[in-house]
Structure formats: C-alpha cells, structure tokens
Amino acid sequence: MIRNAVSRINDIANTLLKKSMEKRGAPGEEKSRFYTPCSPPVEPLITVVDTLISEKRVQYQNRPEVQIDFDFESAIDPFVSLDSSELKRVLSNVINNSVEAISPGTKGTVTVSLKSNQNRVAIQVVDNGKGIRKELLQKLGQVEVSEGKDGDQSGSGLGVYHARKVTESFGGRFEIFSKEHHGTTVTLEFPTVDPHPTSNQDLLQRCF
C-alpha cells in the first residue's frame, strides 16, 4: 500500500512537471506531425478501486468512528479504458471529502460501490455526512466555487472541477447529489470495454 501511494505521488509530480514544460514550450518536446494519440490502457476496475480503498482505510485509521465499505456485485468484473493513476487521484479526493464531511467523533459510513448496467459501469461514493447546501450544489465544480471543510464557501473548487474534467475525458459522466444534514452521493460513470479485443483496429488504438 505504501508503494502504491508513493507511486501515485510520483505520478502526480511527473504530471505537473510535464504540464509545466508544455506551457513553457520546453525544447525537445516538439511532437511529430505523424503523432496519433492512443487509447488509455484497459484496467480491471475492481482491482483499481479495491487497492485505493485499502490505502484509505490505513490513512483514516485515526478515525475509527468512520467506516469505509466496498460493495460490488460478485458477478461483475468490469474493464474500462482509462488512466488508473488519474482515476485513483479523483476517487481519492472524493473519498477524502466524504470522510471530512463526517464530524469528528460522530459515527459515519462511506460506502464505495460498483454498479454495472449494460455497457456502462458506475462508481458511487455515498456518505452520511453534513451534505452540501442547495445554493452551492449547482455551482459546485466551477473553478472558483467549493464547499469548504467548515461548511462555508471557500477554497478553489479545483477538486470537483478536476474530477469532472478527468471523468469526462474518458467518456464518462460525473454527478453529485446531496441533501444538507443527510449526506452526499458522488457518481462516476464510465463505458466498459472488452479486455480481449479481436479486431486490428482495436489493437492499433491501444498502441501495442
């Protein structure tokens, strides 16, 4: 778990460095005019989510009153085409927000579930924390709007904004439903893919 956490931190640092170099137009970073972006790797979603939840349980062992559960149908084994590091970063932030929405000393539950429906799979994070005020809910996800940790409007709003952008970049859908004093449900929905492509076109798109 420590190795996985360190690896994610390293990925974040490398991503920030890469974006900084691209903005500055660093020498040697010129792309070939024949460059074609590839599809992200195919990942087993259950493994990705389960690994992160194990990390979160260790991270919040000083909050024994908060239970973090993982619920999924044993019959489903969805595969998705996305960057697992980006997904873990988004899901980590969502779970952090859920735990922090539960007042210290108050018993609470954060449940992460996987639900499959035809060619789509949804990750849902449900908590019974303080919820989000109605007047902020519709604005949440804009760059300069967030629900502060103390319940006031504060912060940059980059967490939810980034989560929405990353989810949509992989053909997914990001949604928040919340009721003040009752809790919040965050849904990240993605299209599933065949982990064993048969056509040449599928193989080429995955950059083998």
N, C-alpha and C. Protein backbone atom coordinates (compact mmCIF):
# COMPACT_ATOMS: atom_id res chain seq x y z
N MET A 1 0.83 -1.21 0.00
CA MET A 1 0.00 0.00 0.00
C MET A 1 0.86 1.26 0.00
N ILE A 2 1.98 1.21 0.76
CA ILE A 2 2.89 2.36 0.78
C ILE A 2 3.50 2.57 -0.59
N ARG A 3 3.91 1.46 -1.24
CA ARG A 3 4.48 1.56 -2.59
C ARG A 3 3.48 2.16 -3.56
N ASN A 4 2.22 1.73 -3.45
CA ASN A 4 1.18 2.26 -4.34
C ASN A 4 0.98 3.76 -4.11
N ALA A 5 0.96 4.17 -2.83
CA ALA A 5 0.76 5.58 -2.50
C ALA A 5 1.92 6.43 -3.01
N VAL A 6 3.17 5.93 -2.81
CA VAL A 6 4.34 6.64 -3.29
C VAL A 6 4.33 6.74 -4.81
N SER A 7 3.90 5.67 -5.45
CA SER A 7 3.82 5.67 -6.92
C SER A 7 2.84 6.71 -7.41
N ARG A 8 1.69 6.86 -6.72
CA ARG A 8 0.71 7.86 -7.12
C ARG A 8 1.25 9.27 -6.92
N ILE A 9 1.97 9.49 -5.82
CA ILE A 9 2.58 10.80 -5.59
C ILE A 9 3.58 11.13 -6.69
N ASN A 10 4.36 10.12 -7.07
CA ASN A 10 5.33 10.30 -8.15
C ASN A 10 4.64 10.63 -9.46
N ASP A 11 3.52 9.95 -9.74
CA ASP A 11 2.75 10.22 -10.97
C ASP A 11 2.24 11.65 -10.98
N ILE A 12 1.74 12.13 -9.83
CA ILE A 12 1.24 13.50 -9.73
C ILE A 12 2.35 14.50 -10.02
N ALA A 13 3.53 14.26 -9.42
CA ALA A 13 4.66 15.16 -9.62
C ALA A 13 5.09 15.19 -11.09
N ASN A 14 5.15 14.01 -11.71
CA ASN A 14 5.54 13.93 -13.12
C ASN A 14 4.53 14.62 -14.03
N THR A 15 3.24 14.47 -13.69
CA THR A 15 2.19 15.11 -14.49
C THR A 15 2.30 16.63 -14.40
N LEU A 16 2.52 17.15 -13.20
CA LEU A 16 2.67 18.60 -13.02
C LEU A 16 3.90 19.12 -13.76
N LEU A 17 4.98 18.36 -13.71
CA LEU A 17 6.21 18.76 -14.41
C LEU A 17 5.99 18.78 -15.92
N LYS A 18 5.31 17.75 -16.42
CA LYS A 18 5.05 17.66 -17.85
C LYS A 18 4.18 18.83 -18.33
N LYS A 19 3.12 19.15 -17.55
CA LYS A 19 2.24 20.26 -17.93
C LYS A 19 2.99 21.59 -17.90
N SER A 20 3.87 21.74 -16.91
CA SER A 20 4.66 22.98 -16.81
C SER A 20 5.58 23.13 -18.02
N MET A 21 6.22 22.03 -18.43
CA MET A 21 7.12 22.08 -19.59
C MET A 21 6.36 22.37 -20.87
N GLU A 22 5.14 21.80 -20.99
CA GLU A 22 4.34 22.03 -22.18
C GLU A 22 3.93 23.50 -22.28
N LYS A 23 3.61 24.11 -21.14
CA LYS A 23 3.21 25.52 -21.14
C LYS A 23 4.37 26.42 -21.52
N ARG A 24 5.58 26.03 -21.10
CA ARG A 24 6.76 26.85 -21.41
C ARG A 24 7.30 26.56 -22.80
N GLY A 25 6.80 25.50 -23.42
CA GLY A 25 7.31 25.12 -24.73
C GLY A 25 8.75 24.68 -24.64
N ALA A 26 9.02 23.75 -23.72
CA ALA A 26 10.39 23.30 -23.48
C ALA A 26 10.99 22.70 -24.73
N PRO A 27 12.30 22.96 -24.98
CA PRO A 27 12.96 22.41 -26.16
C PRO A 27 12.98 20.89 -26.12
N GLY A 28 12.86 20.30 -27.31
CA GLY A 28 12.90 18.85 -27.41
C GLY A 28 11.56 18.20 -27.18
N GLU A 29 10.53 19.02 -26.90
CA GLU A 29 9.21 18.47 -26.64
C GLU A 29 8.30 18.56 -27.84
N GLU A 30 8.85 18.89 -28.99
CA GLU A 30 8.05 19.07 -30.19
C GLU A 30 7.47 17.73 -30.64
N LYS A 31 6.21 17.68 -30.92
CA LYS A 31 5.57 16.43 -31.33
C LYS A 31 5.66 16.24 -32.83
N SER A 32 5.79 15.00 -33.21
CA SER A 32 5.82 14.68 -34.63
C SER A 32 4.46 14.96 -35.25
N ARG A 33 4.47 15.40 -36.52
CA ARG A 33 3.19 15.67 -37.18
C ARG A 33 2.45 14.38 -37.52
N PHE A 34 3.15 13.23 -37.32
CA PHE A 34 2.51 11.95 -37.55
C PHE A 34 1.99 11.34 -36.25
N TYR A 35 2.13 12.09 -35.16
CA TYR A 35 1.72 11.57 -33.86
C TYR A 35 0.21 11.38 -33.80
N THR A 36 -0.22 10.21 -33.32
CA THR A 36 -1.64 9.91 -33.14
C THR A 36 -1.87 9.47 -31.71
N PRO A 37 -2.72 10.17 -30.95
CA PRO A 37 -2.94 9.77 -29.57
C PRO A 37 -3.55 8.37 -29.49
N CYS A 38 -3.13 7.62 -28.48
CA CYS A 38 -3.61 6.25 -28.31
C CYS A 38 -4.69 6.20 -27.24
N SER A 39 -5.49 5.14 -27.27
CA SER A 39 -6.47 4.94 -26.23
C SER A 39 -5.76 4.62 -24.93
N PRO A 40 -6.30 5.03 -23.78
CA PRO A 40 -5.69 4.69 -22.49
C PRO A 40 -5.70 3.17 -22.31
N PRO A 41 -4.86 2.66 -21.41
CA PRO A 41 -4.82 1.21 -21.19
C PRO A 41 -6.13 0.69 -20.61
N VAL A 42 -6.38 -0.59 -20.82
CA VAL A 42 -7.58 -1.23 -20.27
C VAL A 42 -7.27 -1.70 -18.85
N GLU A 43 -8.12 -1.31 -17.90
CA GLU A 43 -7.87 -1.61 -16.49
C GLU A 43 -9.04 -2.39 -15.88
N PRO A 44 -8.76 -3.38 -15.01
CA PRO A 44 -9.84 -4.05 -14.25
C PRO A 44 -10.29 -3.13 -13.12
N LEU A 45 -11.50 -2.65 -13.19
CA LEU A 45 -11.95 -1.59 -12.28
C LEU A 45 -11.98 -2.04 -10.82
N ILE A 46 -12.39 -3.27 -10.57
CA ILE A 46 -12.49 -3.75 -9.18
C ILE A 46 -11.13 -3.70 -8.50
N THR A 47 -10.08 -4.12 -9.21
CA THR A 47 -8.73 -4.11 -8.64
C THR A 47 -8.26 -2.70 -8.32
N VAL A 48 -8.51 -1.78 -9.25
CA VAL A 48 -8.09 -0.38 -9.07
C VAL A 48 -8.77 0.22 -7.83
N VAL A 49 -10.09 0.04 -7.74
CA VAL A 49 -10.85 0.63 -6.63
C VAL A 49 -10.50 -0.03 -5.30
N ASP A 50 -10.38 -1.36 -5.30
CA ASP A 50 -10.08 -2.09 -4.06
C ASP A 50 -8.73 -1.68 -3.49
N THR A 51 -7.73 -1.49 -4.36
CA THR A 51 -6.40 -1.07 -3.91
C THR A 51 -6.45 0.29 -3.23
N LEU A 52 -7.20 1.21 -3.83
CA LEU A 52 -7.29 2.56 -3.26
C LEU A 52 -8.02 2.54 -1.92
N ILE A 53 -9.09 1.76 -1.81
CA ILE A 53 -9.85 1.71 -0.56
C ILE A 53 -8.99 1.16 0.57
N SER A 54 -8.14 0.18 0.26
CA SER A 54 -7.22 -0.34 1.28
C SER A 54 -6.31 0.77 1.79
N GLU A 55 -5.82 1.61 0.90
CA GLU A 55 -4.99 2.75 1.29
C GLU A 55 -5.76 3.70 2.20
N LYS A 56 -7.01 3.96 1.82
CA LYS A 56 -7.82 4.93 2.57
C LYS A 56 -8.13 4.42 3.98
N ARG A 57 -8.33 3.13 4.13
CA ARG A 57 -8.60 2.58 5.46
C ARG A 57 -7.40 2.76 6.37
N VAL A 58 -6.20 2.61 5.80
CA VAL A 58 -4.98 2.85 6.59
C VAL A 58 -4.83 4.34 6.89
N GLN A 59 -5.10 5.17 5.88
CA GLN A 59 -4.95 6.62 6.06
C GLN A 59 -5.85 7.14 7.17
N TYR A 60 -7.07 6.59 7.29
CA TYR A 60 -8.04 7.10 8.27
C TYR A 60 -8.22 6.16 9.46
N GLN A 61 -7.17 5.42 9.80
CA GLN A 61 -7.27 4.54 10.96
C GLN A 61 -7.38 5.35 12.26
N ASN A 62 -7.04 6.65 12.19
CA ASN A 62 -7.23 7.51 13.37
C ASN A 62 -8.66 8.03 13.47
N ARG A 63 -9.52 7.61 12.53
CA ARG A 63 -10.95 7.94 12.59
C ARG A 63 -11.76 6.65 12.67
N PRO A 64 -11.63 5.88 13.77
CA PRO A 64 -12.30 4.58 13.87
C PRO A 64 -13.82 4.67 13.84
N GLU A 65 -14.34 5.88 14.09
CA GLU A 65 -15.80 6.04 14.06
C GLU A 65 -16.35 6.11 12.64
N VAL A 66 -15.44 6.23 11.65
CA VAL A 66 -15.85 6.27 10.24
C VAL A 66 -15.51 4.94 9.57
N GLN A 67 -16.53 4.30 9.03
CA GLN A 67 -16.35 3.01 8.37
C GLN A 67 -16.33 3.21 6.85
N ILE A 68 -15.31 2.67 6.19
CA ILE A 68 -15.21 2.76 4.73
C ILE A 68 -15.48 1.37 4.15
N ASP A 69 -16.59 1.23 3.43
CA ASP A 69 -17.01 -0.05 2.88
C ASP A 69 -16.84 -0.09 1.37
N PHE A 70 -16.67 -1.29 0.85
CA PHE A 70 -16.61 -1.51 -0.60
C PHE A 70 -17.66 -2.55 -0.95
N ASP A 71 -18.61 -2.16 -1.79
CA ASP A 71 -19.73 -3.04 -2.14
C ASP A 71 -19.79 -3.21 -3.66
N PHE A 72 -19.72 -4.44 -4.12
CA PHE A 72 -19.85 -4.68 -5.56
C PHE A 72 -20.49 -6.05 -5.78
N GLU A 73 -21.13 -6.18 -6.94
CA GLU A 73 -21.75 -7.46 -7.31
C GLU A 73 -20.65 -8.43 -7.73
N SER A 74 -20.60 -9.60 -7.08
CA SER A 74 -19.54 -10.56 -7.36
C SER A 74 -19.58 -11.05 -8.80
N ALA A 75 -20.73 -10.89 -9.45
CA ALA A 75 -20.88 -11.41 -10.81
C ALA A 75 -20.25 -10.49 -11.85
N ILE A 76 -20.00 -9.23 -11.49
CA ILE A 76 -19.47 -8.29 -12.49
C ILE A 76 -17.95 -8.15 -12.34
N ASP A 77 -17.29 -8.01 -13.45
CA ASP A 77 -15.84 -7.80 -13.47
C ASP A 77 -15.54 -6.81 -14.59
N PRO A 78 -15.94 -5.54 -14.39
CA PRO A 78 -15.87 -4.56 -15.48
C PRO A 78 -14.45 -4.11 -15.80
N PHE A 79 -14.19 -3.91 -17.10
CA PHE A 79 -12.93 -3.34 -17.55
C PHE A 79 -13.24 -2.00 -18.21
N VAL A 80 -12.36 -1.03 -17.97
CA VAL A 80 -12.54 0.31 -18.53
C VAL A 80 -11.25 0.76 -19.17
N SER A 81 -11.36 1.67 -20.14
CA SER A 81 -10.19 2.21 -20.82
C SER A 81 -9.91 3.60 -20.25
N LEU A 82 -8.96 3.66 -19.31
CA LEU A 82 -8.61 4.93 -18.68
C LEU A 82 -7.26 4.81 -18.00
N ASP A 83 -6.76 5.94 -17.54
CA ASP A 83 -5.51 6.00 -16.80
C ASP A 83 -5.82 5.74 -15.33
N SER A 84 -5.37 4.59 -14.79
CA SER A 84 -5.71 4.22 -13.42
C SER A 84 -5.16 5.23 -12.41
N SER A 85 -4.01 5.86 -12.72
CA SER A 85 -3.44 6.85 -11.80
C SER A 85 -4.37 8.06 -11.67
N GLU A 86 -4.93 8.49 -12.80
CA GLU A 86 -5.87 9.63 -12.78
C GLU A 86 -7.14 9.25 -12.02
N LEU A 87 -7.64 8.04 -12.27
CA LEU A 87 -8.85 7.60 -11.58
C LEU A 87 -8.63 7.54 -10.08
N LYS A 88 -7.50 6.98 -9.65
CA LYS A 88 -7.21 6.88 -8.23
C LYS A 88 -7.11 8.27 -7.60
N ARG A 89 -6.53 9.21 -8.33
CA ARG A 89 -6.40 10.58 -7.83
C ARG A 89 -7.78 11.19 -7.60
N VAL A 90 -8.67 11.01 -8.57
CA VAL A 90 -10.03 11.55 -8.46
C VAL A 90 -10.79 10.89 -7.33
N LEU A 91 -10.76 9.54 -7.31
CA LEU A 91 -11.50 8.79 -6.30
C LEU A 91 -10.96 9.05 -4.90
N SER A 92 -9.65 9.22 -4.80
CA SER A 92 -9.03 9.53 -3.50
C SER A 92 -9.57 10.85 -2.96
N ASN A 93 -9.68 11.86 -3.83
CA ASN A 93 -10.19 13.16 -3.42
C ASN A 93 -11.66 13.08 -3.01
N VAL A 94 -12.44 12.29 -3.75
CA VAL A 94 -13.86 12.15 -3.43
C VAL A 94 -14.04 11.48 -2.06
N ILE A 95 -13.27 10.42 -1.81
CA ILE A 95 -13.38 9.72 -0.52
C ILE A 95 -12.91 10.63 0.62
N ASN A 96 -11.83 11.38 0.39
CA ASN A 96 -11.37 12.34 1.41
C ASN A 96 -12.47 13.32 1.78
N ASN A 97 -13.15 13.85 0.75
CA ASN A 97 -14.23 14.80 1.00
C ASN A 97 -15.35 14.15 1.82
N SER A 98 -15.65 12.88 1.51
CA SER A 98 -16.72 12.17 2.23
C SER A 98 -16.37 11.97 3.70
N VAL A 99 -15.13 11.55 3.96
CA VAL A 99 -14.70 11.35 5.35
C VAL A 99 -14.72 12.68 6.10
N GLU A 100 -14.23 13.74 5.46
CA GLU A 100 -14.15 15.05 6.12
C GLU A 100 -15.53 15.67 6.33
N ALA A 101 -16.54 15.19 5.59
CA ALA A 101 -17.91 15.70 5.77
C ALA A 101 -18.57 15.11 7.02
N ILE A 102 -17.93 14.08 7.60
CA ILE A 102 -18.46 13.47 8.83
C ILE A 102 -17.72 14.10 10.01
N SER A 103 -18.47 14.72 10.89
CA SER A 103 -17.87 15.44 12.02
C SER A 103 -17.05 14.50 12.90
N PRO A 104 -15.86 14.94 13.33
CA PRO A 104 -15.02 14.11 14.21
C PRO A 104 -15.80 13.66 15.45
N GLY A 105 -15.66 12.38 15.80
CA GLY A 105 -16.36 11.84 16.96
C GLY A 105 -17.75 11.32 16.64
N THR A 106 -18.24 11.62 15.43
CA THR A 106 -19.57 11.16 15.03
C THR A 106 -19.45 9.90 14.18
N LYS A 107 -20.25 8.89 14.49
CA LYS A 107 -20.22 7.66 13.71
C LYS A 107 -20.74 7.93 12.30
N GLY A 108 -20.01 7.42 11.32
CA GLY A 108 -20.43 7.63 9.94
C GLY A 108 -19.94 6.52 9.04
N THR A 109 -20.49 6.48 7.84
CA THR A 109 -20.13 5.44 6.87
C THR A 109 -19.89 6.06 5.51
N VAL A 110 -18.82 5.62 4.86
CA VAL A 110 -18.54 5.97 3.47
C VAL A 110 -18.57 4.65 2.69
N THR A 111 -19.52 4.54 1.78
CA THR A 111 -19.66 3.30 1.02
C THR A 111 -19.32 3.54 -0.44
N VAL A 112 -18.34 2.79 -0.94
CA VAL A 112 -17.97 2.85 -2.35
C VAL A 112 -18.54 1.61 -3.02
N SER A 113 -19.32 1.79 -4.07
CA SER A 113 -19.96 0.65 -4.73
C SER A 113 -19.75 0.71 -6.24
N LEU A 114 -19.79 -0.47 -6.86
CA LEU A 114 -19.73 -0.59 -8.31
C LEU A 114 -21.06 -1.14 -8.79
N LYS A 115 -21.63 -0.47 -9.79
CA LYS A 115 -22.91 -0.91 -10.35
C LYS A 115 -22.79 -0.96 -11.87
N SER A 116 -23.10 -2.11 -12.44
CA SER A 116 -22.97 -2.29 -13.88
C SER A 116 -24.33 -2.26 -14.54
N ASN A 117 -24.40 -1.60 -15.71
CA ASN A 117 -25.66 -1.52 -16.46
C ASN A 117 -25.34 -1.54 -17.95
N GLN A 118 -25.57 -2.68 -18.58
CA GLN A 118 -25.27 -2.88 -20.00
C GLN A 118 -23.80 -2.57 -20.28
N ASN A 119 -23.50 -1.53 -21.06
CA ASN A 119 -22.12 -1.23 -21.41
C ASN A 119 -21.54 -0.08 -20.59
N ARG A 120 -22.13 0.15 -19.41
CA ARG A 120 -21.65 1.22 -18.54
C ARG A 120 -21.43 0.65 -17.13
N VAL A 121 -20.50 1.27 -16.41
CA VAL A 121 -20.29 0.91 -15.01
C VAL A 121 -20.14 2.19 -14.20
N ALA A 122 -20.74 2.20 -13.03
CA ALA A 122 -20.73 3.40 -12.19
C ALA A 122 -20.03 3.11 -10.87
N ILE A 123 -19.16 4.04 -10.47
CA ILE A 123 -18.59 4.04 -9.13
C ILE A 123 -19.37 5.06 -8.33
N GLN A 124 -19.96 4.62 -7.22
CA GLN A 124 -20.70 5.55 -6.37
C GLN A 124 -20.04 5.63 -5.00
N VAL A 125 -19.87 6.86 -4.54
CA VAL A 125 -19.33 7.10 -3.19
C VAL A 125 -20.44 7.79 -2.39
N VAL A 126 -20.94 7.09 -1.38
CA VAL A 126 -22.07 7.59 -0.59
C VAL A 126 -21.63 7.79 0.85
N ASP A 127 -21.91 8.96 1.40
CA ASP A 127 -21.61 9.21 2.82
C ASP A 127 -22.85 9.76 3.51
N ASN A 128 -22.85 9.66 4.85
CA ASN A 128 -23.96 10.22 5.64
C ASN A 128 -23.47 11.42 6.44
N GLY A 129 -22.64 12.23 5.77
CA GLY A 129 -22.09 13.43 6.41
C GLY A 129 -23.04 14.60 6.38
N LYS A 130 -22.47 15.81 6.48
CA LYS A 130 -23.29 17.02 6.63
C LYS A 130 -23.98 17.46 5.35
N GLY A 131 -23.56 16.92 4.20
CA GLY A 131 -24.19 17.29 2.93
C GLY A 131 -23.71 18.65 2.44
N ILE A 132 -24.26 19.06 1.31
CA ILE A 132 -23.88 20.33 0.67
C ILE A 132 -25.10 21.21 0.55
N ARG A 133 -24.93 22.47 0.87
CA ARG A 133 -26.06 23.40 0.79
C ARG A 133 -26.59 23.50 -0.63
N LYS A 134 -27.90 23.61 -0.75
CA LYS A 134 -28.57 23.60 -2.05
C LYS A 134 -28.08 24.71 -2.96
N GLU A 135 -27.84 25.90 -2.39
CA GLU A 135 -27.44 27.04 -3.22
C GLU A 135 -26.03 26.86 -3.81
N LEU A 136 -25.22 25.97 -3.18
CA LEU A 136 -23.87 25.74 -3.69
C LEU A 136 -23.79 24.52 -4.60
N LEU A 137 -24.75 23.62 -4.46
CA LEU A 137 -24.68 22.35 -5.17
C LEU A 137 -24.62 22.53 -6.68
N GLN A 138 -25.45 23.43 -7.22
CA GLN A 138 -25.47 23.63 -8.66
C GLN A 138 -24.21 24.32 -9.17
N LYS A 139 -23.55 25.09 -8.30
CA LYS A 139 -22.34 25.80 -8.71
C LYS A 139 -21.08 24.97 -8.52
N LEU A 140 -21.18 23.91 -7.71
CA LEU A 140 -20.01 23.12 -7.38
C LEU A 140 -19.42 22.49 -8.64
N GLY A 141 -18.11 22.59 -8.77
CA GLY A 141 -17.45 22.07 -9.98
C GLY A 141 -16.92 23.19 -10.85
N GLN A 142 -17.38 24.42 -10.59
CA GLN A 142 -16.78 25.57 -11.25
C GLN A 142 -15.45 25.86 -10.57
N VAL A 143 -14.52 26.42 -11.30
CA VAL A 143 -13.15 26.57 -10.81
C VAL A 143 -13.07 27.34 -9.50
N GLU A 144 -13.92 28.34 -9.31
CA GLU A 144 -13.77 29.21 -8.14
C GLU A 144 -14.84 28.98 -7.08
N VAL A 145 -15.52 27.82 -7.13
CA VAL A 145 -16.57 27.55 -6.16
C VAL A 145 -16.33 26.20 -5.52
N SER A 146 -16.38 26.15 -4.18
CA SER A 146 -16.27 24.87 -3.49
C SER A 146 -17.00 24.96 -2.15
N GLU A 147 -17.25 23.78 -1.58
CA GLU A 147 -17.83 23.71 -0.24
C GLU A 147 -16.69 23.53 0.72
N GLY A 148 -16.43 24.53 1.54
CA GLY A 148 -15.28 24.48 2.46
C GLY A 148 -15.42 23.39 3.49
N LYS A 149 -14.28 23.04 4.11
CA LYS A 149 -14.27 21.97 5.10
C LYS A 149 -15.11 22.30 6.32
N ASP A 150 -15.25 23.62 6.61
CA ASP A 150 -16.02 24.01 7.78
C ASP A 150 -17.47 24.34 7.44
N GLY A 151 -17.85 24.04 6.18
CA GLY A 151 -19.22 24.30 5.78
C GLY A 151 -19.43 25.63 5.13
N ASP A 152 -18.39 26.47 5.09
CA ASP A 152 -18.50 27.77 4.45
C ASP A 152 -18.02 27.69 3.01
N GLN A 153 -18.42 28.66 2.20
CA GLN A 153 -17.96 28.70 0.82
C GLN A 153 -16.52 29.19 0.82
N SER A 154 -15.60 28.31 0.48
CA SER A 154 -14.18 28.66 0.49
C SER A 154 -13.43 27.68 -0.39
N GLY A 155 -12.14 27.92 -0.57
CA GLY A 155 -11.33 27.01 -1.38
C GLY A 155 -11.39 27.37 -2.85
N SER A 156 -10.65 26.61 -3.65
CA SER A 156 -10.55 26.92 -5.07
C SER A 156 -11.58 26.19 -5.92
N GLY A 157 -12.12 25.08 -5.41
CA GLY A 157 -13.06 24.31 -6.21
C GLY A 157 -12.38 23.42 -7.23
N LEU A 158 -11.03 23.35 -7.20
CA LEU A 158 -10.31 22.59 -8.21
C LEU A 158 -10.53 21.09 -8.08
N GLY A 159 -10.82 20.60 -6.85
CA GLY A 159 -11.02 19.16 -6.66
C GLY A 159 -12.16 18.62 -7.48
N VAL A 160 -13.35 19.21 -7.34
CA VAL A 160 -14.53 18.76 -8.07
C VAL A 160 -14.39 19.08 -9.56
N TYR A 161 -13.83 20.25 -9.86
CA TYR A 161 -13.63 20.65 -11.26
C TYR A 161 -12.72 19.64 -11.97
N HIS A 162 -11.61 19.28 -11.32
CA HIS A 162 -10.67 18.32 -11.89
C HIS A 162 -11.33 16.95 -12.04
N ALA A 163 -12.10 16.54 -11.03
CA ALA A 163 -12.77 15.23 -11.08
C ALA A 163 -13.72 15.15 -12.27
N ARG A 164 -14.48 16.22 -12.47
CA ARG A 164 -15.42 16.23 -13.59
C ARG A 164 -14.69 16.18 -14.93
N LYS A 165 -13.64 16.98 -15.07
CA LYS A 165 -12.89 17.04 -16.33
C LYS A 165 -12.24 15.70 -16.65
N VAL A 166 -11.62 15.07 -15.64
CA VAL A 166 -10.96 13.78 -15.85
C VAL A 166 -11.97 12.71 -16.24
N THR A 167 -13.09 12.67 -15.53
CA THR A 167 -14.13 11.67 -15.82
C THR A 167 -14.66 11.84 -17.23
N GLU A 168 -14.94 13.06 -17.62
CA GLU A 168 -15.47 13.31 -18.97
C GLU A 168 -14.43 13.04 -20.05
N SER A 169 -13.14 13.21 -19.73
CA SER A 169 -12.10 12.97 -20.72
C SER A 169 -12.02 11.50 -21.12
N PHE A 170 -12.52 10.61 -20.26
CA PHE A 170 -12.54 9.18 -20.57
C PHE A 170 -13.92 8.72 -21.02
N GLY A 171 -14.72 9.67 -21.49
CA GLY A 171 -16.06 9.33 -21.98
C GLY A 171 -17.05 9.04 -20.88
N GLY A 172 -16.74 9.51 -19.67
CA GLY A 172 -17.60 9.23 -18.53
C GLY A 172 -18.51 10.37 -18.15
N ARG A 173 -19.20 10.18 -17.03
CA ARG A 173 -20.14 11.19 -16.52
C ARG A 173 -19.92 11.35 -15.02
N PHE A 174 -19.87 12.60 -14.56
CA PHE A 174 -19.65 12.90 -13.15
C PHE A 174 -20.89 13.61 -12.60
N GLU A 175 -21.39 13.14 -11.46
CA GLU A 175 -22.63 13.70 -10.92
C GLU A 175 -22.58 13.72 -9.39
N ILE A 176 -23.12 14.79 -8.81
CA ILE A 176 -23.21 14.91 -7.36
C ILE A 176 -24.67 15.12 -6.95
N PHE A 177 -25.13 14.31 -6.02
CA PHE A 177 -26.44 14.51 -5.41
C PHE A 177 -26.23 14.65 -3.91
N SER A 178 -26.80 15.69 -3.32
CA SER A 178 -26.58 15.90 -1.89
C SER A 178 -27.79 16.55 -1.25
N LYS A 179 -27.98 16.22 0.02
CA LYS A 179 -29.03 16.85 0.81
C LYS A 179 -28.42 17.25 2.14
N GLU A 180 -28.54 18.52 2.46
CA GLU A 180 -27.92 19.04 3.67
C GLU A 180 -28.39 18.27 4.91
N HIS A 181 -27.42 17.90 5.76
CA HIS A 181 -27.64 17.15 7.00
C HIS A 181 -27.99 15.69 6.76
N HIS A 182 -27.97 15.24 5.51
CA HIS A 182 -28.31 13.84 5.22
C HIS A 182 -27.19 13.10 4.49
N GLY A 183 -26.31 13.81 3.80
CA GLY A 183 -25.21 13.14 3.13
C GLY A 183 -25.11 13.46 1.65
N THR A 184 -24.12 12.85 1.02
CA THR A 184 -23.81 13.14 -0.38
C THR A 184 -23.53 11.85 -1.14
N THR A 185 -23.97 11.83 -2.40
CA THR A 185 -23.66 10.71 -3.31
C THR A 185 -22.94 11.27 -4.52
N VAL A 186 -21.74 10.75 -4.78
CA VAL A 186 -20.97 11.14 -5.96
C VAL A 186 -20.92 9.94 -6.90
N THR A 187 -21.26 10.16 -8.16
CA THR A 187 -21.27 9.08 -9.16
C THR A 187 -20.29 9.37 -10.27
N LEU A 188 -19.42 8.39 -10.55
CA LEU A 188 -18.52 8.46 -11.70
C LEU A 188 -18.88 7.28 -12.61
N GLU A 189 -19.39 7.57 -13.78
CA GLU A 189 -19.85 6.52 -14.69
C GLU A 189 -18.95 6.46 -15.92
N PHE A 190 -18.56 5.23 -16.32
CA PHE A 190 -17.67 5.04 -17.46
C PHE A 190 -18.20 3.96 -18.39
N PRO A 191 -17.87 4.05 -19.68
CA PRO A 191 -18.20 2.95 -20.60
C PRO A 191 -17.25 1.78 -20.35
N THR A 192 -17.75 0.57 -20.40
CA THR A 192 -16.90 -0.60 -20.25
C THR A 192 -16.35 -1.02 -21.61
N VAL A 193 -15.27 -1.78 -21.60
CA VAL A 193 -14.64 -2.22 -22.84
C VAL A 193 -14.35 -3.72 -22.76
N ASP A 194 -14.12 -4.32 -23.91
CA ASP A 194 -13.74 -5.72 -23.98
C ASP A 194 -12.25 -5.83 -23.67
N PRO A 195 -11.85 -6.58 -22.62
CA PRO A 195 -10.44 -6.68 -22.28
C PRO A 195 -9.62 -7.51 -23.28
N HIS A 196 -10.34 -8.21 -24.18
CA HIS A 196 -9.65 -9.05 -25.17
C HIS A 196 -10.10 -8.65 -26.58
N PRO A 197 -9.58 -7.53 -27.11
CA PRO A 197 -10.00 -7.06 -28.44
C PRO A 197 -9.62 -8.06 -29.52
N THR A 198 -10.45 -8.14 -30.54
CA THR A 198 -10.20 -9.10 -31.62
C THR A 198 -9.89 -8.41 -32.94
N SER A 199 -10.38 -7.20 -33.12
CA SER A 199 -10.18 -6.53 -34.41
C SER A 199 -8.83 -5.83 -34.45
N ASN A 200 -8.25 -5.70 -35.64
CA ASN A 200 -6.98 -4.99 -35.82
C ASN A 200 -7.10 -3.53 -35.42
N GLN A 201 -8.27 -2.95 -35.69
CA GLN A 201 -8.48 -1.54 -35.37
C GLN A 201 -8.38 -1.32 -33.86
N ASP A 202 -9.00 -2.23 -33.07
CA ASP A 202 -8.94 -2.10 -31.62
C ASP A 202 -7.50 -2.24 -31.13
N LEU A 203 -6.77 -3.16 -31.72
CA LEU A 203 -5.38 -3.38 -31.31
C LEU A 203 -4.52 -2.17 -31.60
N LEU A 204 -4.71 -1.56 -32.77
CA LEU A 204 -3.91 -0.39 -33.14
C LEU A 204 -4.21 0.78 -32.22
N GLN A 205 -5.49 0.96 -31.85
CA GLN A 205 -5.88 2.07 -31.00
C GLN A 205 -5.24 1.99 -29.62
N ARG A 206 -4.90 0.76 -29.18
CA ARG A 206 -4.32 0.59 -27.85
C ARG A 206 -2.80 0.65 -27.88
N CYS A 207 -2.22 0.89 -29.07
CA CYS A 207 -0.78 1.16 -29.19
C CYS A 207 0.10 -0.02 -28.80
N PHE A 208 -0.29 -1.23 -29.14
CA PHE A 208 0.59 -2.37 -28.88
C PHE A 208 1.75 -2.34 -29.85
